C-alpha atoms as a PDB file:
ATOM      1  CA  MET A   1     119.587 107.024  79.154  1.00  0.00           C
ATOM      2  CA  THR A   2     116.779 105.171  80.853  1.00  0.00           C
ATOM      3  CA  GLN A   3     113.247 104.152  79.903  1.00  0.00           C
ATOM      4  CA  ALA A   4     110.045 105.821  81.045  1.00  0.00           C
ATOM      5  CA  ILE A   5     106.345 105.904  80.179  1.00  0.00           C
ATOM      6  CA  GLN A   6     105.272 109.332  78.903  1.00  0.00           C
ATOM      7  CA  ILE A   7     102.179 110.946  77.436  1.00  0.00           C
ATOM      8  CA  GLN A   8     102.384 113.696  74.822  1.00  0.00           C
ATOM      9  CA  GLN A   9      98.652 114.456  75.010  1.00  0.00           C
ATOM     10  CA  TYR A  10      95.713 113.597  77.252  1.00  0.00           C
ATOM     11  CA  GLY A  11      93.591 110.618  76.279  1.00  0.00           C
ATOM     12  CA  GLY A  12      92.992 106.895  76.688  1.00  0.00           C
ATOM     13  CA  PRO A  13      95.522 104.166  77.476  1.00  0.00           C
ATOM     14  CA  GLU A  14      96.781 104.367  73.891  1.00  0.00           C
ATOM     15  CA  VAL A  15      98.609 107.652  74.667  1.00  0.00           C
ATOM     16  CA  LEU A  16     100.997 105.845  77.044  1.00  0.00           C
ATOM     17  CA  THR A  17     104.337 105.532  75.248  1.00  0.00           C
ATOM     18  CA  LEU A  18     107.637 103.908  76.250  1.00  0.00           C
ATOM     19  CA  VAL A  19     110.473 106.382  75.570  1.00  0.00           C
ATOM     20  CA  ASP A  20     114.163 106.827  76.307  1.00  0.00           C
ATOM     21  CA  VAL A  21     114.930 109.738  78.636  1.00  0.00           C
ATOM     22  CA  ALA A  22     118.068 111.247  80.126  1.00  0.00           C
ATOM     23  CA  VAL A  23     118.355 111.224  83.910  1.00  0.00           C
ATOM     24  CA  GLY A  24     120.760 113.820  85.276  1.00  0.00           C
ATOM     25  CA  GLU A  25     122.267 114.541  88.656  1.00  0.00           C
ATOM     26  CA  PRO A  26     120.110 115.617  91.605  1.00  0.00           C
ATOM     27  CA  GLY A  27     120.097 119.303  92.502  1.00  0.00           C
ATOM     28  CA  PRO A  28     119.675 120.845  95.959  1.00  0.00           C
ATOM     29  CA  GLY A  29     116.999 119.021  97.930  1.00  0.00           C
ATOM     30  CA  GLU A  30     116.743 116.224  95.351  1.00  0.00           C
ATOM     31  CA  ILE A  31     117.712 112.586  94.976  1.00  0.00           C
ATOM     32  CA  ARG A  32     118.145 110.182  92.082  1.00  0.00           C
ATOM     33  CA  ILE A  33     116.433 106.828  92.679  1.00  0.00           C
ATOM     34  CA  ARG A  34     116.536 103.634  90.605  1.00  0.00           C
ATOM     35  CA  HIS A  35     113.170 101.930  90.837  1.00  0.00           C
ATOM     36  CA  HIS A  36     112.723  98.253  91.660  1.00  0.00           C
ATOM     37  CA  ALA A  37     108.914  98.543  91.650  1.00  0.00           C
ATOM     38  CA  VAL A  38     106.340 101.229  90.876  1.00  0.00           C
ATOM     39  CA  GLY A  39     102.790 101.596  92.193  1.00  0.00           C
ATOM     40  CA  LEU A  40      99.713 101.949  89.978  1.00  0.00           C
ATOM     41  CA  ASN A  41      96.909 104.223  91.233  1.00  0.00           C
ATOM     42  CA  PHE A  42      93.659 105.734  90.004  1.00  0.00           C
ATOM     43  CA  ILE A  43      95.201 109.207  90.217  1.00  0.00           C
ATOM     44  CA  ASP A  44      97.429 108.101  87.307  1.00  0.00           C
ATOM     45  CA  VAL A  45      94.285 107.661  85.202  1.00  0.00           C
ATOM     46  CA  TYR A  46      93.013 111.121  86.180  1.00  0.00           C
ATOM     47  CA  GLN A  47      96.339 112.620  85.085  1.00  0.00           C
ATOM     48  CA  ARG A  48      96.440 110.634  81.835  1.00  0.00           C
ATOM     49  CA  THR A  49      92.941 111.803  80.846  1.00  0.00           C
ATOM     50  CA  GLY A  50      93.556 115.413  81.853  1.00  0.00           C
ATOM     51  CA  LEU A  51      91.029 115.463  84.698  1.00  0.00           C
ATOM     52  CA  TYR A  52      94.054 116.455  86.787  1.00  0.00           C
ATOM     53  CA  GLN A  53      96.242 118.476  84.439  1.00  0.00           C
ATOM     54  CA  ASN A  54     100.049 118.700  84.407  1.00  0.00           C
ATOM     55  CA  PRO A  55     102.523 120.147  81.908  1.00  0.00           C
ATOM     56  CA  LEU A  56     103.097 117.912  78.880  1.00  0.00           C
ATOM     57  CA  PRO A  57     104.960 115.767  77.992  1.00  0.00           C
ATOM     58  CA  LEU A  58     104.353 113.975  81.289  1.00  0.00           C
ATOM     59  CA  THR A  59     105.850 110.893  82.898  1.00  0.00           C
ATOM     60  CA  LEU A  60     103.074 109.443  85.048  1.00  0.00           C
ATOM     61  CA  GLY A  61     103.295 107.736  88.421  1.00  0.00           C
ATOM     62  CA  MET A  62     103.181 108.924  92.045  1.00  0.00           C
ATOM     63  CA  GLU A  63     104.553 105.929  93.956  1.00  0.00           C
ATOM     64  CA  GLY A  64     107.710 103.852  93.867  1.00  0.00           C
ATOM     65  CA  ALA A  65     110.479 102.039  95.695  1.00  0.00           C
ATOM     66  CA  GLY A  66     114.115 101.369  94.927  1.00  0.00           C
ATOM     67  CA  ILE A  67     117.707 102.299  95.692  1.00  0.00           C
ATOM     68  CA  VAL A  68     118.979 105.865  96.115  1.00  0.00           C
ATOM     69  CA  GLU A  69     121.799 106.419  93.594  1.00  0.00           C
ATOM     70  CA  ALA A  70     122.770 109.994  94.474  1.00  0.00           C
ATOM     71  CA  VAL A  71     121.672 112.847  96.731  1.00  0.00           C
ATOM     72  CA  GLY A  72     121.806 116.585  96.176  1.00  0.00           C
ATOM     73  CA  GLU A  73     123.003 119.367  98.427  1.00  0.00           C
ATOM     74  CA  GLY A  74     121.070 119.698 101.671  1.00  0.00           C
ATOM     75  CA  VAL A  75     119.661 116.152 101.733  1.00  0.00           C
ATOM     76  CA  THR A  76     120.640 114.626 105.063  1.00  0.00           C
ATOM     77  CA  HIS A  77     118.035 111.928 105.750  1.00  0.00           C
ATOM     78  CA  LEU A  78     119.079 109.773 102.777  1.00  0.00           C
ATOM     79  CA  LYS A  79     122.359 108.669 101.226  1.00  0.00           C
ATOM     80  CA  ALA A  80     123.463 106.719  98.155  1.00  0.00           C
ATOM     81  CA  GLY A  81     122.759 103.029  98.626  1.00  0.00           C
ATOM     82  CA  ASP A  82     119.731 103.466 100.882  1.00  0.00           C
ATOM     83  CA  ARG A  83     116.595 101.442 100.247  1.00  0.00           C
ATOM     84  CA  ALA A  84     113.828 104.019  99.856  1.00  0.00           C
ATOM     85  CA  ALA A  85     110.152 104.449  99.008  1.00  0.00           C
ATOM     86  CA  TYR A  86     107.781 107.323  98.364  1.00  0.00           C
ATOM     87  CA  ALA A  87     104.408 108.713  97.432  1.00  0.00           C
ATOM     88  CA  SER A  88     105.094 112.111  95.968  1.00  0.00           C
ATOM     89  CA  ASN A  89     104.398 114.959  93.607  1.00  0.00           C
ATOM     90  CA  PRO A  90     105.446 115.686  90.897  1.00  0.00           C
ATOM     91  CA  PRO A  91     104.591 112.552  88.888  1.00  0.00           C
ATOM     92  CA  GLY A  92     107.396 110.507  87.343  1.00  0.00           C
ATOM     93  CA  SER A  93     107.577 107.039  88.869  1.00  0.00           C
ATOM     94  CA  TYR A  94     106.682 105.204  85.624  1.00  0.00           C
ATOM     95  CA  SER A  95     110.398 105.001  84.880  1.00  0.00           C
ATOM     96  CA  GLN A  96     113.482 102.948  85.537  1.00  0.00           C
ATOM     97  CA  ALA A  97     115.108 105.893  87.327  1.00  0.00           C
ATOM     98  CA  ARG A  98     114.300 109.513  88.090  1.00  0.00           C
ATOM     99  CA  VAL A  99     115.481 112.669  89.848  1.00  0.00           C
ATOM    100  CA  MET A 100     112.912 113.945  92.331  1.00  0.00           C
ATOM    101  CA  PRO A 101     112.383 116.025  95.499  1.00  0.00           C
ATOM    102  CA  ALA A 102     113.753 114.237  98.552  1.00  0.00           C
ATOM    103  CA  LYS A 103     111.284 115.546 101.126  1.00  0.00           C
ATOM    104  CA  CYS A 104     108.647 112.865 100.505  1.00  0.00           C
ATOM    105  CA  VAL A 105     111.127 109.998 100.145  1.00  0.00           C
ATOM    106  CA  VAL A 106     111.724 107.875 103.257  1.00  0.00           C
ATOM    107  CA  LYS A 107     114.137 105.082 104.128  1.00  0.00           C
ATOM    108  CA  LEU A 108     112.541 101.693 103.656  1.00  0.00           C
ATOM    109  CA  PRO A 109     112.901  99.159 106.473  1.00  0.00           C
ATOM    110  CA  ASP A 110     114.886  96.076 105.460  1.00  0.00           C
ATOM    111  CA  ASP A 111     111.979  93.734 106.205  1.00  0.00           C
ATOM    112  CA  ILE A 112     109.611  95.384 103.702  1.00  0.00           C
ATOM    113  CA  ALA A 113     110.133  94.249 100.099  1.00  0.00           C
ATOM    114  CA  PHE A 114     110.357  96.742  97.234  1.00  0.00           C
ATOM    115  CA  ASP A 115     107.158  95.545  95.546  1.00  0.00           C
ATOM    116  CA  THR A 116     105.290  95.696  98.854  1.00  0.00           C
ATOM    117  CA  ALA A 117     106.545  99.234  99.417  1.00  0.00           C
ATOM    118  CA  ALA A 118     105.583 100.338  95.904  1.00  0.00           C
ATOM    119  CA  ALA A 119     102.103  98.912  96.470  1.00  0.00           C
ATOM    120  CA  MET A 120     101.566 100.560  99.830  1.00  0.00           C
ATOM    121  CA  MET A 121     103.066 104.027 100.023  1.00  0.00           C
ATOM    122  CA  LEU A 122     100.388 106.137  98.320  1.00  0.00           C
ATOM    123  CA  LYS A 123      97.584 103.753  99.245  1.00  0.00           C
ATOM    124  CA  GLY A 124      98.716 103.163 102.811  1.00  0.00           C
ATOM    125  CA  LEU A 125      99.431 106.818 103.522  1.00  0.00           C
ATOM    126  CA  THR A 126      95.993 107.611 102.085  1.00  0.00           C
ATOM    127  CA  ALA A 127      94.358 105.140 104.468  1.00  0.00           C
ATOM    128  CA  GLN A 128      96.438 106.617 107.302  1.00  0.00           C
ATOM    129  CA  TYR A 129      95.431 110.239 106.814  1.00  0.00           C
ATOM    130  CA  LEU A 130      91.789 109.318 106.254  1.00  0.00           C
ATOM    131  CA  LEU A 131      91.345 107.028 109.253  1.00  0.00           C
ATOM    132  CA  LYS A 132      93.625 108.960 111.606  1.00  0.00           C
ATOM    133  CA  LYS A 133      93.312 112.594 110.489  1.00  0.00           C
ATOM    134  CA  THR A 134      90.051 112.945 108.525  1.00  0.00           C
ATOM    135  CA  GLN A 135      87.582 112.200 111.277  1.00  0.00           C
ATOM    136  CA  PRO A 136      84.040 113.362 112.086  1.00  0.00           C
ATOM    137  CA  GLN A 137      83.118 115.724 114.882  1.00  0.00           C
ATOM    138  CA  GLY A 138      84.095 114.078 118.178  1.00  0.00           C
ATOM    139  CA  GLY A 139      86.508 111.685 116.466  1.00  0.00           C
ATOM    140  CA  LEU A 140      86.193 107.928 116.051  1.00  0.00           C
ATOM    141  CA  GLN A 141      86.002 105.430 118.874  1.00  0.00           C
ATOM    142  CA  ALA A 142      86.118 101.632 118.942  1.00  0.00           C
ATOM    143  CA  GLY A 143      82.752 100.255 117.902  1.00  0.00           C
ATOM    144  CA  ASP A 144      81.845 103.157 115.601  1.00  0.00           C
ATOM    145  CA  HIS A 145      80.447 102.369 112.158  1.00  0.00           C
ATOM    146  CA  VAL A 146      82.175 103.861 109.097  1.00  0.00           C
ATOM    147  CA  LEU A 147      81.358 103.282 105.435  1.00  0.00           C
ATOM    148  CA  TRP A 148      84.136 102.702 102.890  1.00  0.00           C
ATOM    149  CA  HIS A 149      83.310 102.610  99.177  1.00  0.00           C
ATOM    150  CA  ALA A 150      85.403 100.541  96.725  1.00  0.00           C
ATOM    151  CA  ALA A 151      86.708  98.563  99.669  1.00  0.00           C
ATOM    152  CA  ALA A 152      88.263  95.752  97.609  1.00  0.00           C
ATOM    153  CA  GLY A 153      90.790  98.059  95.941  1.00  0.00           C
ATOM    154  CA  GLY A 154      94.328  98.793  97.057  1.00  0.00           C
ATOM    155  CA  VAL A 155      93.422 101.584  99.483  1.00  0.00           C
ATOM    156  CA  GLY A 156      90.251  99.828 100.589  1.00  0.00           C
ATOM    157  CA  LEU A 157      91.856  96.532 101.613  1.00  0.00           C
ATOM    158  CA  ILE A 158      94.449  98.391 103.667  1.00  0.00           C
ATOM    159  CA  ALA A 159      91.669 100.446 105.262  1.00  0.00           C
ATOM    160  CA  CYS A 160      89.595  97.348 106.102  1.00  0.00           C
ATOM    161  CA  GLN A 161      92.494  95.891 108.051  1.00  0.00           C
ATOM    162  CA  TRP A 162      93.561  99.137 109.698  1.00  0.00           C
ATOM    163  CA  ALA A 163      90.003 100.002 110.734  1.00  0.00           C
ATOM    164  CA  LYS A 164      89.652  96.573 112.345  1.00  0.00           C
ATOM    165  CA  ALA A 165      92.890  97.164 114.259  1.00  0.00           C
ATOM    166  CA  MET A 166      91.373 100.445 115.503  1.00  0.00           C
ATOM    167  CA  GLY A 167      88.235  98.609 116.660  1.00  0.00           C
ATOM    168  CA  LEU A 168      85.977 100.232 114.047  1.00  0.00           C
ATOM    169  CA  GLN A 169      83.023  98.526 112.384  1.00  0.00           C
ATOM    170  CA  LEU A 170      83.825  99.130 108.724  1.00  0.00           C
ATOM    171  CA  ILE A 171      80.973  98.653 106.269  1.00  0.00           C
ATOM    172  CA  ALA A 172      82.452  97.915 102.850  1.00  0.00           C
ATOM    173  CA  THR A 173      80.885  98.422  99.447  1.00  0.00           C
ATOM    174  CA  ALA A 174      82.167  96.747  96.288  1.00  0.00           C
ATOM    175  CA  GLY A 175      80.914  95.877  92.812  1.00  0.00           C
ATOM    176  CA  SER A 176      80.684  92.090  93.043  1.00  0.00           C
ATOM    177  CA  ASP A 177      80.064  89.322  95.546  1.00  0.00           C
ATOM    178  CA  ALA A 178      83.679  88.177  95.135  1.00  0.00           C
ATOM    179  CA  LYS A 179      84.970  91.641  95.969  1.00  0.00           C
ATOM    180  CA  CYS A 180      82.659  91.817  98.985  1.00  0.00           C
ATOM    181  CA  ALA A 181      84.056  88.498 100.199  1.00  0.00           C
ATOM    182  CA  LEU A 182      87.567  89.886  99.765  1.00  0.00           C
ATOM    183  CA  ALA A 183      86.747  92.937 101.900  1.00  0.00           C
ATOM    184  CA  LEU A 184      85.253  90.706 104.615  1.00  0.00           C
ATOM    185  CA  ALA A 185      88.349  88.503 104.561  1.00  0.00           C
ATOM    186  CA  HIS A 186      90.461  91.607 105.181  1.00  0.00           C
ATOM    187  CA  GLY A 187      88.584  92.818 108.239  1.00  0.00           C
ATOM    188  CA  ALA A 188      85.404  94.548 107.077  1.00  0.00           C
ATOM    189  CA  ALA A 189      82.565  93.972 109.537  1.00  0.00           C
ATOM    190  CA  HIS A 190      79.915  94.053 106.776  1.00  0.00           C
ATOM    191  CA  ALA A 191      79.971  94.146 102.973  1.00  0.00           C
ATOM    192  CA  ILE A 192      77.401  95.416 100.460  1.00  0.00           C
ATOM    193  CA  ASN A 193      77.351  94.666  96.727  1.00  0.00           C
ATOM    194  CA  TYR A 194      76.234  98.059  95.446  1.00  0.00           C
ATOM    195  CA  ARG A 195      75.356  96.586  92.024  1.00  0.00           C
ATOM    196  CA  THR A 196      72.678  94.288  93.456  1.00  0.00           C
ATOM    197  CA  GLN A 197      71.802  95.975  96.761  1.00  0.00           C
ATOM    198  CA  ASP A 198      70.669  99.458  97.806  1.00  0.00           C
ATOM    199  CA  PHE A 199      73.638 100.475  99.933  1.00  0.00           C
ATOM    200  CA  VAL A 200      71.655 103.249 101.659  1.00  0.00           C
ATOM    201  CA  ALA A 201      68.983 100.821 102.843  1.00  0.00           C
ATOM    202  CA  GLU A 202      71.571  98.232 103.840  1.00  0.00           C
ATOM    203  CA  VAL A 203      73.623 100.714 105.881  1.00  0.00           C
ATOM    204  CA  LYS A 204      70.501 101.899 107.686  1.00  0.00           C
ATOM    205  CA  LYS A 205      69.633  98.256 108.442  1.00  0.00           C
ATOM    206  CA  ILE A 206      73.126  97.485 109.759  1.00  0.00           C
ATOM    207  CA  THR A 207      73.186 100.577 111.984  1.00  0.00           C
ATOM    208  CA  GLY A 208      69.627 100.252 113.266  1.00  0.00           C
ATOM    209  CA  GLY A 209      68.611 103.369 111.365  1.00  0.00           C
ATOM    210  CA  ALA A 210      71.258 105.567 112.973  1.00  0.00           C
ATOM    211  CA  GLY A 211      73.618 105.878 110.010  1.00  0.00           C
ATOM    212  CA  VAL A 212      77.407 106.124 110.102  1.00  0.00           C
ATOM    213  CA  LYS A 213      79.699 108.798 111.509  1.00  0.00           C
ATOM    214  CA  VAL A 214      81.811 109.037 108.367  1.00  0.00           C
ATOM    215  CA  VAL A 215      81.808 107.890 104.737  1.00  0.00           C
ATOM    216  CA  TYR A 216      85.109 107.532 102.884  1.00  0.00           C
ATOM    217  CA  ASP A 217      84.235 107.862  99.204  1.00  0.00           C
ATOM    218  CA  SER A 218      86.642 107.477  96.281  1.00  0.00           C
ATOM    219  CA  VAL A 219      83.900 106.642  93.764  1.00  0.00           C
ATOM    220  CA  GLY A 220      82.519 110.168  93.356  1.00  0.00           C
ATOM    221  CA  LYS A 221      79.518 110.947  91.160  1.00  0.00           C
ATOM    222  CA  ASP A 222      77.674 107.612  91.472  1.00  0.00           C
ATOM    223  CA  THR A 223      77.786 107.375  95.272  1.00  0.00           C
ATOM    224  CA  PHE A 224      77.772 111.000  96.443  1.00  0.00           C
ATOM    225  CA  GLU A 225      74.053 111.433  97.101  1.00  0.00           C
ATOM    226  CA  GLY A 226      73.702 108.058  98.764  1.00  0.00           C
ATOM    227  CA  SER A 227      76.759 108.764 100.896  1.00  0.00           C
ATOM    228  CA  LEU A 228      75.100 111.889 102.282  1.00  0.00           C
ATOM    229  CA  ASN A 229      71.940 109.911 102.999  1.00  0.00           C
ATOM    230  CA  VAL A 230      73.657 107.337 105.232  1.00  0.00           C
ATOM    231  CA  LEU A 231      75.314 109.872 107.543  1.00  0.00           C
ATOM    232  CA  ARG A 232      74.062 110.443 111.068  1.00  0.00           C
ATOM    233  CA  PRO A 233      73.663 114.074 112.251  1.00  0.00           C
ATOM    234  CA  PHE A 234      76.991 115.952 112.220  1.00  0.00           C
ATOM    235  CA  GLY A 235      78.423 113.163 110.074  1.00  0.00           C
ATOM    236  CA  LEU A 236      81.325 113.645 107.651  1.00  0.00           C
ATOM    237  CA  LEU A 237      81.569 112.740 103.973  1.00  0.00           C
ATOM    238  CA  ALA A 238      85.255 112.516 103.044  1.00  0.00           C
ATOM    239  CA  SER A 239      85.463 112.514  99.240  1.00  0.00           C
ATOM    240  CA  PHE A 240      88.919 111.489  98.023  1.00  0.00           C
ATOM    241  CA  GLY A 241      88.441 110.269  94.462  1.00  0.00           C
ATOM    242  CA  ASN A 242      86.335 110.281  91.290  1.00  0.00           C
ATOM    243  CA  ALA A 243      86.373 106.713  89.930  1.00  0.00           C
ATOM    244  CA  SER A 244      82.863 107.152  88.463  1.00  0.00           C
ATOM    245  CA  GLY A 245      83.405 110.795  87.523  1.00  0.00           C
ATOM    246  CA  PRO A 246      83.605 114.100  89.419  1.00  0.00           C
ATOM    247  CA  VAL A 247      80.875 115.008  91.898  1.00  0.00           C
ATOM    248  CA  PRO A 248      78.567 117.566  90.246  1.00  0.00           C
ATOM    249  CA  PRO A 249      78.162 120.998  91.859  1.00  0.00           C
ATOM    250  CA  PHE A 250      75.684 120.930  94.741  1.00  0.00           C
ATOM    251  CA  ALA A 251      73.982 123.493  96.981  1.00  0.00           C
ATOM    252  CA  PRO A 252      75.507 123.538 100.488  1.00  0.00           C
ATOM    253  CA  GLY A 253      72.009 124.227 101.804  1.00  0.00           C
ATOM    254  CA  ILE A 254      71.124 120.542 101.389  1.00  0.00           C
ATOM    255  CA  LEU A 255      73.521 119.638 104.207  1.00  0.00           C
ATOM    256  CA  GLY A 256      71.436 121.335 106.912  1.00  0.00           C
ATOM    257  CA  PRO A 257      68.186 119.355 106.649  1.00  0.00           C
ATOM    258  CA  LYS A 258      70.181 116.126 106.376  1.00  0.00           C
ATOM    259  CA  GLY A 259      71.670 116.712 109.832  1.00  0.00           C
ATOM    260  CA  SER A 260      74.153 119.600 109.703  1.00  0.00           C
ATOM    261  CA  LEU A 261      76.543 117.432 107.731  1.00  0.00           C
ATOM    262  CA  TYR A 262      80.184 118.078 106.899  1.00  0.00           C
ATOM    263  CA  VAL A 263      81.789 117.483 103.488  1.00  0.00           C
ATOM    264  CA  THR A 264      85.497 117.602 102.716  1.00  0.00           C
ATOM    265  CA  ARG A 265      87.522 116.951  99.563  1.00  0.00           C
ATOM    266  CA  ALA A 266      90.660 115.408 100.987  1.00  0.00           C
ATOM    267  CA  THR A 267      94.025 114.827  99.324  1.00  0.00           C
ATOM    268  CA  LEU A 268      97.163 113.054 100.496  1.00  0.00           C
ATOM    269  CA  PHE A 269      99.517 115.717  99.213  1.00  0.00           C
ATOM    270  CA  THR A 270      98.304 118.322 101.699  1.00  0.00           C
ATOM    271  CA  HIS A 271      99.203 115.923 104.490  1.00  0.00           C
ATOM    272  CA  ILE A 272     102.703 115.083 103.196  1.00  0.00           C
ATOM    273  CA  ALA A 273     103.672 118.671 102.400  1.00  0.00           C
ATOM    274  CA  THR A 274     106.649 118.554 104.792  1.00  0.00           C
ATOM    275  CA  ARG A 275     109.377 115.978 105.350  1.00  0.00           C
ATOM    276  CA  GLU A 276     108.485 115.756 109.042  1.00  0.00           C
ATOM    277  CA  ALA A 277     104.822 114.979 108.343  1.00  0.00           C
ATOM    278  CA  THR A 278     105.733 112.428 105.677  1.00  0.00           C
ATOM    279  CA  GLN A 279     108.178 110.698 108.004  1.00  0.00           C
ATOM    280  CA  ALA A 280     105.679 110.488 110.883  1.00  0.00           C
ATOM    281  CA  MET A 281     102.922 109.099 108.666  1.00  0.00           C
ATOM    282  CA  ALA A 282     105.303 106.611 107.017  1.00  0.00           C
ATOM    283  CA  GLU A 283     106.479 105.367 110.401  1.00  0.00           C
ATOM    284  CA  ASP A 284     102.859 104.774 111.419  1.00  0.00           C
ATOM    285  CA  LEU A 285     102.280 102.849 108.177  1.00  0.00           C
ATOM    286  CA  PHE A 286     105.484 100.819 108.453  1.00  0.00           C
ATOM    287  CA  GLY A 287     104.645  99.950 112.041  1.00  0.00           C
ATOM    288  CA  VAL A 288     101.169  98.594 111.312  1.00  0.00           C
ATOM    289  CA  VAL A 289     102.538  96.543 108.376  1.00  0.00           C
ATOM    290  CA  GLN A 290     105.493  95.200 110.364  1.00  0.00           C
ATOM    291  CA  SER A 291     103.128  94.215 113.192  1.00  0.00           C
ATOM    292  CA  GLY A 292     101.121  92.051 110.803  1.00  0.00           C
ATOM    293  CA  ALA A 293      97.889  93.947 111.488  1.00  0.00           C
ATOM    294  CA  VAL A 294      97.893  95.156 107.864  1.00  0.00           C
ATOM    295  CA  LYS A 295      99.053  92.927 105.022  1.00  0.00           C
ATOM    296  CA  ILE A 296      99.634  94.402 101.573  1.00  0.00           C
ATOM    297  CA  ARG A 297      97.917  92.384  98.879  1.00  0.00           C
ATOM    298  CA  ILE A 298      99.393  92.615  95.367  1.00  0.00           C
ATOM    299  CA  ASP A 299      97.069  90.960  92.863  1.00  0.00           C
ATOM    300  CA  GLN A 300      98.449  92.380  89.604  1.00  0.00           C
ATOM    301  CA  ARG A 301     102.043  92.735  88.400  1.00  0.00           C
ATOM    302  CA  TYR A 302     102.879  94.173  84.969  1.00  0.00           C
ATOM    303  CA  PRO A 303     106.092  94.890  83.066  1.00  0.00           C
ATOM    304  CA  LEU A 304     106.579  98.643  82.640  1.00  0.00           C
ATOM    305  CA  ALA A 305     106.058  98.299  78.886  1.00  0.00           C
ATOM    306  CA  ASP A 306     102.618  96.716  79.501  1.00  0.00           C
ATOM    307  CA  VAL A 307     101.266  99.766  81.321  1.00  0.00           C
ATOM    308  CA  ALA A 308      98.441 100.384  78.825  1.00  0.00           C
ATOM    309  CA  ARG A 309      96.882  97.021  79.707  1.00  0.00           C
ATOM    310  CA  ALA A 310      97.276  97.859  83.378  1.00  0.00           C
ATOM    311  CA  HIS A 311      95.328 101.094  82.873  1.00  0.00           C
ATOM    312  CA  VAL A 312      92.560  99.331  80.924  1.00  0.00           C
ATOM    313  CA  GLU A 313      92.075  96.788  83.701  1.00  0.00           C
ATOM    314  CA  LEU A 314      92.217  99.432  86.442  1.00  0.00           C
ATOM    315  CA  GLU A 315      89.630 101.669  84.742  1.00  0.00           C
ATOM    316  CA  ALA A 316      87.319  98.706  84.123  1.00  0.00           C
ATOM    317  CA  ARG A 317      87.488  97.991  87.878  1.00  0.00           C
ATOM    318  CA  ASN A 318      88.698  94.496  87.054  1.00  0.00           C
ATOM    319  CA  THR A 319      91.503  94.663  89.611  1.00  0.00           C
ATOM    320  CA  THR A 320      91.601  93.861  93.304  1.00  0.00           C
ATOM    321  CA  GLY A 321      94.150  94.811  95.933  1.00  0.00           C
ATOM    322  CA  SER A 322      97.215  96.643  94.651  1.00  0.00           C
ATOM    323  CA  SER A 323      98.911  96.664  91.240  1.00  0.00           C
ATOM    324  CA  VAL A 324     102.606  97.219  90.584  1.00  0.00           C
ATOM    325  CA  LEU A 325     104.720  97.921  87.513  1.00  0.00           C
ATOM    326  CA  LEU A 326     108.142  96.276  87.306  1.00  0.00           C
ATOM    327  CA  PRO A 327     110.701  98.427  85.429  1.00  0.00           C
END
C-alpha cells in the first residue's frame, strides 16, 4: 500500500483526501515510479472543481519526478533504477508511487534535482510548445514583442527567461508590483501591474501603437477582450488556461475588423502525444536549463498531506514561481 491524494467528488480544497491505495505491477507500455517530488499546477484545480472532468474517484496531479521501480512489456527507453520525470495524462502524481503510461516519461539527467524536475516538466514543456510551436503568422524573430499574462507564475517565469534567450521582448503582466519586479528579474523586458494599470494602453505605449505579434494568455475570462485589443494585424491569441474562469462564447466575426486575428486554444497534451515528441521537447527543455539560460524557481514546498493549503494559496494567486509537493 502507498498513500495518495484522491477526490470522491468535485468541489473545493476540502474534497482532497489522503488515502491508502494499492499499487500493482506495470502492464504493457507502463512503468511504476516512486515519486521524490510532485508538481502543483492550475490544471489540478480545474480537475478538482470539475471544470475538466475525469472519472471519480480521482488521484490528481500531472507532473512528477522519481525513480523507476519496474517497467512493463515493450518499454525500452527506461529501466528499473532510472531517474525519471514526466508531465502526463492521466492524472495521478499526487501519490507516493503510481503505475502509469511510459510514453511521456523521460530519463532525468543526473545534474537536475528531483524537485527541480517536478517543478519544471509540465510548466517548462508548456513554455516550450508555446514559444517554439505556437507562433503567429511569419513566426517570431529576435526583437519581436510578445505579451505574457500571469508572468510571475511557474510557467511565466520560465517563459520570461526563455523568451529573453530567444531575443524576444516579453511584456509581462502580473497582479502586484512585487510580481512585476519578479518577472523583470527573470528576463521580461517590460512589466505591467494589471490591477493598477490598463494593460491595453500600456502595451500600445510600449510598442508605439503597433501592438504585439502574439499574446500568451492563461488567465482567460478577465483578459480575453484586452488580449485581442493589443494584437497587431494577423496577430495570434494563444489561450492556454482559465485562471479567472473560462472565456465566454464569442462571435468569430469580431476577429476581422480587429486585424484578421487568429485565436487558438492550445494544450500541452496534444504536443506530447507520442514518445518521440515528448523526448524531443524534453531534451530542448533540459538543454536550456542545463545551460543556465533558464533557472527553475521553487517558492513553495508542501508535504503531500498539506495539499489542501497548497490549493488554497494557488487559487488565491498568492504563489510565485513553482510549487512542489513532497510525498
